[in-house]
C-alpha atoms as a PDB file:
ATOM      1  CA  GLY A   1      71.396  52.014  41.150  1.00  0.00           C
ATOM      2  CA  GLU A   2      70.541  51.726  44.802  1.00  0.00           C
ATOM      3  CA  SER A   3      67.903  53.940  46.406  1.00  0.00           C
ATOM      4  CA  VAL A   4      69.121  55.670  49.546  1.00  0.00           C
ATOM      5  CA  GLU A   5      66.999  57.509  52.092  1.00  0.00           C
ATOM      6  CA  LEU A   6      68.679  60.476  53.755  1.00  0.00           C
ATOM      7  CA  LYS A   7      67.539  61.518  57.214  1.00  0.00           C
ATOM      8  CA  GLN A   8      68.849  64.897  58.278  1.00  0.00           C
ATOM      9  CA  SER A   9      69.155  66.788  61.532  1.00  0.00           C
ATOM     10  CA  HIS A  10      69.724  70.540  61.343  1.00  0.00           C
ATOM     11  CA  ALA A  11      70.822  72.834  64.149  1.00  0.00           C
ATOM     12  CA  GLY A  12      73.725  75.030  65.135  1.00  0.00           C
ATOM     13  CA  SER A  13      77.073  73.326  64.596  1.00  0.00           C
ATOM     14  CA  SER A  14      78.162  73.426  68.233  1.00  0.00           C
ATOM     15  CA  LYS A  15      74.779  72.090  69.356  1.00  0.00           C
ATOM     16  CA  GLN A  16      74.895  69.276  66.815  1.00  0.00           C
ATOM     17  CA  VAL A  17      78.406  68.199  67.740  1.00  0.00           C
ATOM     18  CA  ARG A  18      77.336  67.756  71.350  1.00  0.00           C
ATOM     19  CA  ALA A  19      74.329  65.710  70.210  1.00  0.00           C
ATOM     20  CA  VAL A  20      76.538  63.391  68.141  1.00  0.00           C
ATOM     21  CA  ALA A  21      78.976  63.042  71.034  1.00  0.00           C
ATOM     22  CA  ASP A  22      76.029  62.152  73.274  1.00  0.00           C
ATOM     23  CA  GLY A  23      74.857  59.388  70.949  1.00  0.00           C
ATOM     24  CA  LEU A  24      72.875  60.894  68.054  1.00  0.00           C
ATOM     25  CA  GLU A  25      72.998  58.182  65.352  1.00  0.00           C
ATOM     26  CA  ALA A  26      74.678  60.149  62.561  1.00  0.00           C
ATOM     27  CA  ASP A  27      76.511  58.339  59.755  1.00  0.00           C
ATOM     28  CA  VAL A  28      78.090  61.597  58.573  1.00  0.00           C
ATOM     29  CA  VAL A  29      78.436  65.102  59.955  1.00  0.00           C
ATOM     30  CA  THR A  30      78.779  68.529  58.374  1.00  0.00           C
ATOM     31  CA  MET A  31      79.917  71.259  60.756  1.00  0.00           C
ATOM     32  CA  ASN A  32      80.699  74.931  60.225  1.00  0.00           C
ATOM     33  CA  GLN A  33      84.122  74.838  61.826  1.00  0.00           C
ATOM     34  CA  ALA A  34      86.924  72.324  62.118  1.00  0.00           C
ATOM     35  CA  SER A  35      87.065  72.649  65.903  1.00  0.00           C
ATOM     36  CA  ASP A  36      83.697  70.882  66.156  1.00  0.00           C
ATOM     37  CA  VAL A  37      84.904  67.940  64.057  1.00  0.00           C
ATOM     38  CA  ASP A  38      88.168  67.932  66.028  1.00  0.00           C
ATOM     39  CA  PHE A  39      86.053  67.517  69.165  1.00  0.00           C
ATOM     40  CA  LEU A  40      84.474  64.385  67.675  1.00  0.00           C
ATOM     41  CA  ALA A  41      87.907  63.126  66.619  1.00  0.00           C
ATOM     42  CA  ASP A  42      89.151  63.524  70.190  1.00  0.00           C
ATOM     43  CA  LYS A  43      86.163  61.432  71.300  1.00  0.00           C
ATOM     44  CA  GLY A  44      87.164  58.687  68.853  1.00  0.00           C
ATOM     45  CA  LEU A  45      84.045  59.170  66.731  1.00  0.00           C
ATOM     46  CA  VAL A  46      85.691  60.402  63.522  1.00  0.00           C
ATOM     47  CA  SER A  47      89.166  59.789  62.118  1.00  0.00           C
ATOM     48  CA  LYS A  48      91.926  62.081  63.336  1.00  0.00           C
ATOM     49  CA  ASP A  49      92.952  62.666  59.718  1.00  0.00           C
ATOM     50  CA  TYR A  50      89.401  63.407  58.491  1.00  0.00           C
ATOM     51  CA  ALA A  51      90.577  66.624  56.792  1.00  0.00           C
ATOM     52  CA  ARG A  52      92.872  64.604  54.505  1.00  0.00           C
ATOM     53  CA  ARG A  53      90.273  62.022  53.530  1.00  0.00           C
ATOM     54  CA  PHE A  54      88.464  64.402  51.189  1.00  0.00           C
ATOM     55  CA  PRO A  55      89.612  67.370  49.064  1.00  0.00           C
ATOM     56  CA  ASN A  56      89.790  70.972  50.302  1.00  0.00           C
ATOM     57  CA  ASN A  57      90.327  70.111  53.972  1.00  0.00           C
ATOM     58  CA  ALA A  58      87.138  68.032  53.724  1.00  0.00           C
ATOM     59  CA  SER A  59      85.079  71.187  53.108  1.00  0.00           C
ATOM     60  CA  PRO A  60      83.080  70.822  49.861  1.00  0.00           C
ATOM     61  CA  TYR A  61      81.878  74.429  49.873  1.00  0.00           C
ATOM     62  CA  THR A  62      82.516  77.688  51.707  1.00  0.00           C
ATOM     63  CA  SER A  63      80.897  80.956  52.676  1.00  0.00           C
ATOM     64  CA  THR A  64      82.087  84.201  54.230  1.00  0.00           C
ATOM     65  CA  MET A  65      80.927  86.746  56.782  1.00  0.00           C
ATOM     66  CA  VAL A  66      78.970  89.721  55.443  1.00  0.00           C
ATOM     67  CA  PHE A  67      76.974  92.625  56.861  1.00  0.00           C
ATOM     68  CA  ILE A  68      73.190  92.682  56.608  1.00  0.00           C
ATOM     69  CA  VAL A  69      71.882  96.211  57.130  1.00  0.00           C
ATOM     70  CA  ARG A  70      68.514  97.947  57.151  1.00  0.00           C
ATOM     71  CA  LYS A  71      66.835  98.859  53.872  1.00  0.00           C
ATOM     72  CA  GLY A  72      68.714 101.735  52.273  1.00  0.00           C
ATOM     73  CA  ASN A  73      71.679 101.303  54.640  1.00  0.00           C
ATOM     74  CA  PRO A  74      70.760 104.330  56.805  1.00  0.00           C
ATOM     75  CA  ARG A  75      73.948 104.020  58.877  1.00  0.00           C
ATOM     76  CA  ALA A  76      76.120 104.018  55.718  1.00  0.00           C
ATOM     77  CA  ILE A  77      77.916 100.852  56.826  1.00  0.00           C
ATOM     78  CA  ARG A  78      80.630  99.879  54.339  1.00  0.00           C
ATOM     79  CA  ASP A  79      83.401  98.111  56.227  1.00  0.00           C
ATOM     80  CA  TRP A  80      84.535  96.815  59.612  1.00  0.00           C
ATOM     81  CA  PRO A  81      85.504 100.247  61.035  1.00  0.00           C
ATOM     82  CA  ASP A  82      81.877 101.340  60.655  1.00  0.00           C
ATOM     83  CA  LEU A  83      80.874  98.624  63.128  1.00  0.00           C
ATOM     84  CA  VAL A  84      82.922 100.166  65.941  1.00  0.00           C
ATOM     85  CA  LYS A  85      81.572 103.704  65.543  1.00  0.00           C
ATOM     86  CA  PRO A  86      79.740 105.105  68.584  1.00  0.00           C
ATOM     87  CA  GLY A  87      76.030 104.388  68.556  1.00  0.00           C
ATOM     88  CA  VAL A  88      76.092 101.586  65.966  1.00  0.00           C
ATOM     89  CA  GLN A  89      74.403  98.443  67.283  1.00  0.00           C
ATOM     90  CA  VAL A  90      75.883  95.171  66.020  1.00  0.00           C
ATOM     91  CA  ILE A  91      73.955  91.891  66.224  1.00  0.00           C
ATOM     92  CA  LEU A  92      75.931  88.653  66.311  1.00  0.00           C
ATOM     93  CA  PRO A  93      75.696  85.255  68.007  1.00  0.00           C
ATOM     94  CA  HIS A  94      77.742  84.574  71.116  1.00  0.00           C
ATOM     95  CA  PRO A  95      81.397  84.305  70.030  1.00  0.00           C
ATOM     96  CA  LYS A  96      82.310  81.845  72.737  1.00  0.00           C
ATOM     97  CA  ASN A  97      79.504  79.369  72.082  1.00  0.00           C
ATOM     98  CA  THR A  98      78.613  79.490  68.367  1.00  0.00           C
ATOM     99  CA  GLY A  99      80.402  78.925  65.084  1.00  0.00           C
ATOM    100  CA  ASN A 100      78.779  81.977  63.508  1.00  0.00           C
ATOM    101  CA  GLY A 101      79.909  84.153  66.413  1.00  0.00           C
ATOM    102  CA  ARG A 102      83.451  82.755  66.369  1.00  0.00           C
ATOM    103  CA  TYR A 103      83.829  83.421  62.658  1.00  0.00           C
ATOM    104  CA  THR A 104      82.605  87.005  63.147  1.00  0.00           C
ATOM    105  CA  TYR A 105      85.059  87.509  65.998  1.00  0.00           C
ATOM    106  CA  LEU A 106      87.998  86.108  64.013  1.00  0.00           C
ATOM    107  CA  ALA A 107      86.991  88.021  60.873  1.00  0.00           C
ATOM    108  CA  ALA A 108      87.125  91.311  62.777  1.00  0.00           C
ATOM    109  CA  TRP A 109      90.391  90.315  64.465  1.00  0.00           C
ATOM    110  CA  GLY A 110      91.973  89.359  61.137  1.00  0.00           C
ATOM    111  CA  PHE A 111      90.833  92.603  59.526  1.00  0.00           C
ATOM    112  CA  ALA A 112      92.440  94.622  62.320  1.00  0.00           C
ATOM    113  CA  LEU A 113      95.660  92.613  62.101  1.00  0.00           C
ATOM    114  CA  GLY A 114      95.865  93.424  58.402  1.00  0.00           C
ATOM    115  CA  GLN A 115      95.769  97.188  58.885  1.00  0.00           C
ATOM    116  CA  PRO A 116      98.944  99.322  58.804  1.00  0.00           C
ATOM    117  CA  ALA A 117     100.771  98.805  62.114  1.00  0.00           C
ATOM    118  CA  GLY A 118      98.229  96.131  63.025  1.00  0.00           C
ATOM    119  CA  ASN A 119      99.256  93.713  65.768  1.00  0.00           C
ATOM    120  CA  GLU A 120      97.665  91.496  68.414  1.00  0.00           C
ATOM    121  CA  ARG A 121      97.105  94.413  70.786  1.00  0.00           C
ATOM    122  CA  THR A 122      95.430  96.644  68.188  1.00  0.00           C
ATOM    123  CA  ALA A 123      93.341  93.691  66.999  1.00  0.00           C
ATOM    124  CA  GLN A 124      92.124  92.970  70.523  1.00  0.00           C
ATOM    125  CA  ASP A 125      91.283  96.639  71.033  1.00  0.00           C
ATOM    126  CA  PHE A 126      89.340  96.702  67.751  1.00  0.00           C
ATOM    127  CA  VAL A 127      87.326  93.586  68.610  1.00  0.00           C
ATOM    128  CA  ALA A 128      86.658  94.972  72.090  1.00  0.00           C
ATOM    129  CA  ARG A 129      85.139  98.099  70.544  1.00  0.00           C
ATOM    130  CA  LEU A 130      82.981  95.957  68.253  1.00  0.00           C
ATOM    131  CA  LEU A 131      81.702  93.851  71.156  1.00  0.00           C
ATOM    132  CA  GLN A 132      80.900  97.010  73.097  1.00  0.00           C
ATOM    133  CA  ASN A 133      78.475  97.854  70.290  1.00  0.00           C
ATOM    134  CA  ALA A 134      76.605  94.559  70.701  1.00  0.00           C
ATOM    135  CA  PRO A 135      73.452  95.143  72.791  1.00  0.00           C
ATOM    136  CA  LEU A 136      73.193  91.364  73.298  1.00  0.00           C
ATOM    137  CA  PHE A 137      74.665  88.085  72.112  1.00  0.00           C
ATOM    138  CA  ALA A 138      72.188  85.884  70.263  1.00  0.00           C
ATOM    139  CA  ALA A 139      72.003  82.176  71.075  1.00  0.00           C
ATOM    140  CA  GLY A 140      72.816  81.209  67.480  1.00  0.00           C
ATOM    141  CA  GLY A 141      72.665  82.290  63.863  1.00  0.00           C
ATOM    142  CA  ARG A 142      68.907  81.956  63.479  1.00  0.00           C
ATOM    143  CA  ASP A 143      68.296  83.703  66.792  1.00  0.00           C
ATOM    144  CA  ALA A 144      70.508  86.562  65.607  1.00  0.00           C
ATOM    145  CA  THR A 145      68.467  86.816  62.406  1.00  0.00           C
ATOM    146  CA  THR A 146      65.204  86.838  64.370  1.00  0.00           C
ATOM    147  CA  THR A 147      66.574  89.509  66.696  1.00  0.00           C
ATOM    148  CA  PHE A 148      67.538  91.715  63.771  1.00  0.00           C
ATOM    149  CA  MET A 149      64.690  91.110  61.330  1.00  0.00           C
ATOM    150  CA  GLN A 150      61.673  90.428  63.556  1.00  0.00           C
ATOM    151  CA  ARG A 151      62.510  92.216  66.793  1.00  0.00           C
ATOM    152  CA  LYS A 152      64.093  95.086  64.825  1.00  0.00           C
ATOM    153  CA  ILE A 153      67.052  95.330  67.195  1.00  0.00           C
ATOM    154  CA  GLY A 154      70.379  96.577  65.857  1.00  0.00           C
ATOM    155  CA  ASP A 155      71.752  98.438  62.851  1.00  0.00           C
ATOM    156  CA  VAL A 156      73.759  95.596  61.335  1.00  0.00           C
ATOM    157  CA  LEU A 157      73.681  91.811  61.509  1.00  0.00           C
ATOM    158  CA  VAL A 158      76.956  89.982  60.840  1.00  0.00           C
ATOM    159  CA  SER A 159      76.266  86.551  59.391  1.00  0.00           C
ATOM    160  CA  PHE A 160      77.162  83.998  56.746  1.00  0.00           C
ATOM    161  CA  GLU A 161      76.667  85.106  53.163  1.00  0.00           C
ATOM    162  CA  SER A 162      74.417  82.065  52.696  1.00  0.00           C
ATOM    163  CA  GLU A 163      72.152  83.298  55.502  1.00  0.00           C
ATOM    164  CA  ALA A 164      71.265  86.373  53.444  1.00  0.00           C
ATOM    165  CA  GLU A 165      69.339  84.238  50.958  1.00  0.00           C
ATOM    166  CA  LEU A 166      67.434  82.506  53.767  1.00  0.00           C
ATOM    167  CA  ILE A 167      66.513  85.932  55.127  1.00  0.00           C
ATOM    168  CA  ALA A 168      65.372  87.013  51.665  1.00  0.00           C
ATOM    169  CA  ARG A 169      63.119  83.967  51.347  1.00  0.00           C
ATOM    170  CA  GLU A 170      61.578  84.600  54.750  1.00  0.00           C
ATOM    171  CA  PHE A 171      61.339  88.384  54.882  1.00  0.00           C
ATOM    172  CA  GLY A 172      61.709  89.574  51.274  1.00  0.00           C
ATOM    173  CA  LYS A 173      64.745  90.895  49.407  1.00  0.00           C
ATOM    174  CA  GLY A 174      63.660  94.521  49.705  1.00  0.00           C
ATOM    175  CA  GLU A 175      63.799  94.546  53.494  1.00  0.00           C
ATOM    176  CA  PHE A 176      67.582  94.636  53.830  1.00  0.00           C
ATOM    177  CA  THR A 177      70.854  95.252  52.012  1.00  0.00           C
ATOM    178  CA  VAL A 178      73.900  92.976  51.968  1.00  0.00           C
ATOM    179  CA  VAL A 179      77.241  94.758  52.377  1.00  0.00           C
ATOM    180  CA  TYR A 180      80.521  93.027  51.536  1.00  0.00           C
ATOM    181  CA  PRO A 181      83.455  94.279  53.639  1.00  0.00           C
ATOM    182  CA  SER A 182      86.864  94.889  52.076  1.00  0.00           C
ATOM    183  CA  LEU A 183      88.235  91.791  53.805  1.00  0.00           C
ATOM    184  CA  SER A 184      86.516  88.871  55.489  1.00  0.00           C
ATOM    185  CA  ILE A 185      87.129  85.316  56.592  1.00  0.00           C
ATOM    186  CA  LEU A 186      86.634  82.197  54.491  1.00  0.00           C
ATOM    187  CA  THR A 187      84.207  79.994  56.395  1.00  0.00           C
ATOM    188  CA  GLU A 188      84.626  76.286  55.786  1.00  0.00           C
ATOM    189  CA  PHE A 189      82.164  73.463  56.438  1.00  0.00           C
ATOM    190  CA  PRO A 190      84.083  70.222  57.019  1.00  0.00           C
ATOM    191  CA  VAL A 191      82.443  66.832  56.625  1.00  0.00           C
ATOM    192  CA  ALA A 192      83.381  63.507  58.188  1.00  0.00           C
ATOM    193  CA  ILE A 193      82.208  59.930  58.616  1.00  0.00           C
ATOM    194  CA  VAL A 194      81.176  58.862  62.125  1.00  0.00           C
ATOM    195  CA  ASN A 195      83.107  55.603  62.324  1.00  0.00           C
ATOM    196  CA  PRO A 196      81.356  53.711  65.162  1.00  0.00           C
ATOM    197  CA  VAL A 197      77.937  54.362  63.614  1.00  0.00           C
ATOM    198  CA  VAL A 198      78.757  53.297  60.043  1.00  0.00           C
ATOM    199  CA  ASP A 199      80.663  50.243  61.267  1.00  0.00           C
ATOM    200  CA  ARG A 200      77.773  49.169  63.479  1.00  0.00           C
ATOM    201  CA  LYS A 201      75.188  49.748  60.732  1.00  0.00           C
ATOM    202  CA  GLY A 202      77.311  48.554  57.818  1.00  0.00           C
ATOM    203  CA  THR A 203      76.823  51.842  55.961  1.00  0.00           C
ATOM    204  CA  ARG A 204      80.427  52.957  55.428  1.00  0.00           C
ATOM    205  CA  LYS A 205      80.324  52.614  51.624  1.00  0.00           C
ATOM    206  CA  LEU A 206      77.092  54.601  51.420  1.00  0.00           C
ATOM    207  CA  ALA A 207      78.444  57.291  53.738  1.00  0.00           C
ATOM    208  CA  GLN A 208      81.644  57.564  51.706  1.00  0.00           C
ATOM    209  CA  ALA A 209      79.703  57.766  48.439  1.00  0.00           C
ATOM    210  CA  TYR A 210      77.380  60.435  49.808  1.00  0.00           C
ATOM    211  CA  LEU A 211      80.232  62.669  50.936  1.00  0.00           C
ATOM    212  CA  GLU A 212      82.107  62.169  47.658  1.00  0.00           C
ATOM    213  CA  TYR A 213      78.929  63.244  45.843  1.00  0.00           C
ATOM    214  CA  LEU A 214      79.231  66.682  47.460  1.00  0.00           C
ATOM    215  CA  TRP A 215      82.268  67.342  45.221  1.00  0.00           C
ATOM    216  CA  SER A 216      80.551  66.073  42.062  1.00  0.00           C
ATOM    217  CA  PRO A 217      79.159  68.564  39.505  1.00  0.00           C
ATOM    218  CA  ALA A 218      75.626  67.881  40.753  1.00  0.00           C
ATOM    219  CA  GLY A 219      76.658  68.265  44.388  1.00  0.00           C
ATOM    220  CA  GLN A 220      78.543  71.480  43.685  1.00  0.00           C
ATOM    221  CA  GLU A 221      75.601  72.915  41.774  1.00  0.00           C
ATOM    222  CA  ASN A 222      73.277  72.038  44.633  1.00  0.00           C
ATOM    223  CA  ALA A 223      75.574  73.948  46.994  1.00  0.00           C
ATOM    224  CA  ALA A 224      75.553  76.990  44.711  1.00  0.00           C
ATOM    225  CA  GLN A 225      71.767  76.886  44.431  1.00  0.00           C
ATOM    226  CA  ASN A 226      71.657  77.080  48.224  1.00  0.00           C
ATOM    227  CA  TYR A 227      74.017  80.080  48.222  1.00  0.00           C
ATOM    228  CA  LEU A 228      77.063  78.191  49.444  1.00  0.00           C
ATOM    229  CA  ARG A 229      80.190  78.947  47.432  1.00  0.00           C
ATOM    230  CA  PRO A 230      81.170  75.807  45.501  1.00  0.00           C
ATOM    231  CA  ARG A 231      84.795  74.699  45.353  1.00  0.00           C
ATOM    232  CA  SER A 232      84.469  73.975  41.628  1.00  0.00           C
ATOM    233  CA  PRO A 233      85.865  76.932  39.623  1.00  0.00           C
ATOM    234  CA  GLU A 234      83.479  76.110  36.781  1.00  0.00           C
ATOM    235  CA  MET A 235      80.438  76.134  39.049  1.00  0.00           C
ATOM    236  CA  LEU A 236      81.603  79.281  40.827  1.00  0.00           C
ATOM    237  CA  LYS A 237      81.908  80.989  37.438  1.00  0.00           C
ATOM    238  CA  LYS A 238      78.444  79.795  36.424  1.00  0.00           C
ATOM    239  CA  TYR A 239      76.935  81.372  39.551  1.00  0.00           C
ATOM    240  CA  ALA A 240      79.246  84.403  39.636  1.00  0.00           C
ATOM    241  CA  GLU A 241      76.327  86.833  39.730  1.00  0.00           C
ATOM    242  CA  GLN A 242      75.261  85.668  43.191  1.00  0.00           C
ATOM    243  CA  PHE A 243      78.811  85.406  44.560  1.00  0.00           C
ATOM    244  CA  PRO A 244      80.532  88.809  44.282  1.00  0.00           C
ATOM    245  CA  PRO A 245      84.331  88.641  44.536  1.00  0.00           C
ATOM    246  CA  ILE A 246      85.589  89.302  48.049  1.00  0.00           C
ATOM    247  CA  ARG A 247      89.067  89.170  49.524  1.00  0.00           C
ATOM    248  CA  THR A 248      89.233  86.545  52.264  1.00  0.00           C
ATOM    249  CA  PHE A 249      91.696  84.861  54.593  1.00  0.00           C
ATOM    250  CA  THR A 250      91.464  81.468  56.271  1.00  0.00           C
ATOM    251  CA  VAL A 251      91.728  80.493  59.918  1.00  0.00           C
ATOM    252  CA  ASP A 252      94.866  78.536  59.001  1.00  0.00           C
ATOM    253  CA  GLU A 253      96.536  81.524  57.331  1.00  0.00           C
ATOM    254  CA  VAL A 254      96.003  84.078  60.084  1.00  0.00           C
ATOM    255  CA  PHE A 255      95.562  82.039  63.258  1.00  0.00           C
ATOM    256  CA  GLY A 256      97.477  78.832  62.552  1.00  0.00           C
ATOM    257  CA  GLY A 257      94.327  76.699  62.414  1.00  0.00           C
ATOM    258  CA  TRP A 258      91.428  76.073  64.774  1.00  0.00           C
ATOM    259  CA  SER A 259      93.654  74.040  67.088  1.00  0.00           C
ATOM    260  CA  LYS A 260      95.426  77.309  67.948  1.00  0.00           C
ATOM    261  CA  ALA A 261      92.616  79.820  67.401  1.00  0.00           C
ATOM    262  CA  PHE A 262      90.102  78.097  69.654  1.00  0.00           C
ATOM    263  CA  PRO A 263      92.168  77.975  72.868  1.00  0.00           C
ATOM    264  CA  ALA A 264      93.706  81.406  72.240  1.00  0.00           C
ATOM    265  CA  HIS A 265      90.375  83.151  71.817  1.00  0.00           C
ATOM    266  CA  PHE A 266      87.425  81.071  73.018  1.00  0.00           C
ATOM    267  CA  LYS A 267      88.504  78.788  75.833  1.00  0.00           C
ATOM    268  CA  ASP A 268      88.256  80.017  79.421  1.00  0.00           C
ATOM    269  CA  GLY A 269      90.794  82.770  79.926  1.00  0.00           C
ATOM    270  CA  GLY A 270      91.189  83.405  76.183  1.00  0.00           C
ATOM    271  CA  SER A 271      90.973  86.771  74.481  1.00  0.00           C
ATOM    272  CA  PHE A 272      87.159  86.817  74.504  1.00  0.00           C
ATOM    273  CA  ASP A 273      87.081  86.395  78.288  1.00  0.00           C
ATOM    274  CA  GLN A 274      89.753  89.070  78.667  1.00  0.00           C
ATOM    275  CA  ILE A 275      87.704  91.500  76.578  1.00  0.00           C
ATOM    276  CA  TYR A 276      84.337  90.640  78.072  1.00  0.00           C
ATOM    277  CA  GLN A 277      85.525  91.018  81.652  1.00  0.00           C
ATOM    278  CA  LYS A 278      86.395  94.610  80.805  1.00  0.00           C
ATOM    279  CA  LYS A 279      83.129  95.304  78.960  1.00  0.00           C
END
């Protein structure tokens, strides 16, 4: 076999996509939302049909949004309605600028839509109440974690399920409790090949093989060991103890895909701006 050296760059998805667009020499990308890869496709850097070039919309693993609360859950937070109660402080990254924040925003919106008599107006009102309980918007997922765990601000941190394990490694499992809401959003992490880079370097076959590996048994197990939900039913069953069942919906199912959700909620004049101007 051929030995391959992997060089990685890690940062928030929206920050990374701008770096790649500005010339970061990446053969492949993994983002936490399709809108970031769509941005690269619009720039001619990845194929327009990237989501059809690999299984599962080109997302080899998933996660979901959960609540991380203080030890013992002193605020008795169980579900989304608890996050809009008076006096509860919610920590989340900025919904307009970060993937983590956008998923939280859409998760809350989708939950509200799914309630009896739920509609776009009641969903917007619900999300507005949640944002009113945010004392600040963190710059990104890690900043939100630091705000909650180190600065001790807030009663609940909304973040990826996979982030909970990173928090446990850094701060200790006994310092917080993970709460799974009754309904959340399925977060997908699409991958793609950066065409101009692999063509210039002659690394297309290696890039393709690397991304295909992510769906292999070894790749799926590696995802599970890093607390990302594997697509493989067999691997998900093997690691069932660390992935409690949770009812989820996708961006496609509720919002018609990122191509509709992003402009409706996060572009200038979208629902976030409408809510925040009133805050």
